[in-house]
Amino acid sequence: MIRNFTLQMNSKPRLLIVDGNPFIAGILVENLKSDFAISVANTGPEAVRLLTQENRYDCVLTELNLPFVNGLELTKLIRNNRFLCNIPVLVLSSATDSETRIQCLNNGVDDFASKPFNPLEIRAKLHALLRRAVAPVYESAYSQPDSARLLPDIKSFWQQKTRVLSMIRRSDPVKQSA
C-alpha cells in the first residue's frame, strides 16, 4: 500500500516522543499537541521501529535513559541512517553533570534539556531546532512530487533485496544429484 505523504502548508511538523515514563510523555503530549503531530514510543526498540518504517518525523524528543536502546544509541542510529540523519534530536535527562551533556552533543544530539523541565521551554527548543535544521525532513522529503519521490525509494528497496538474495545464492553450496 502506498501512502500519500504530501505535507500541506498548514500541516503540523511530526514529532516522535520517546520516553518510558507515561506521566512525562503525557505532559509533553498535552503541551505540544497544538504545535505538532505527535507519536509516542515507550522504548528504544519501539522508536527504532517507528523511525525505520514508513513514518516520517521532523524532530525526535527522547529520554536518555531508556531500556534496551538508550537515547544516545537511538541518536547514533538516526545520525548513521542516510534517510534519518537530518532529523533534529532533543534529549531529556535527569543527568545534571556536564560530562553527560557533552557526550550527547558530541554524538549527534542537537540540544539537551534537564529534568525537571518547563514544557514551554521544550516547545521553544523544538521550534528552534526545526528553524535551524539544514534540510528539514518536512521540506526535503516532501518537496518533490509523489511519483518522483516514490520511484527512487522503490528502486533502492529492490536493489538492496537483490543484493541480499544474490549473496544468499552465492553462499548456498551447489547440490549435485547422483
Foldseek 3Di string as FASTA:
>chain_A
DDDDPADDPPAAFEEEEEAQDVVVVVVLCVLCVVRHNYDYHNALVSVVVCPPPPHDGQEYEYEQDGPPQGPLNSQLVQCPDPLRNLRAYEYEYQDDDVVVVVVSVVSHHPYYDYPPDDSVVVNVVNVVSSVPGPQGCNCVQNVDPPVVNVVVVVVVVVVVVVVVVVVVVVPDDDDDDD
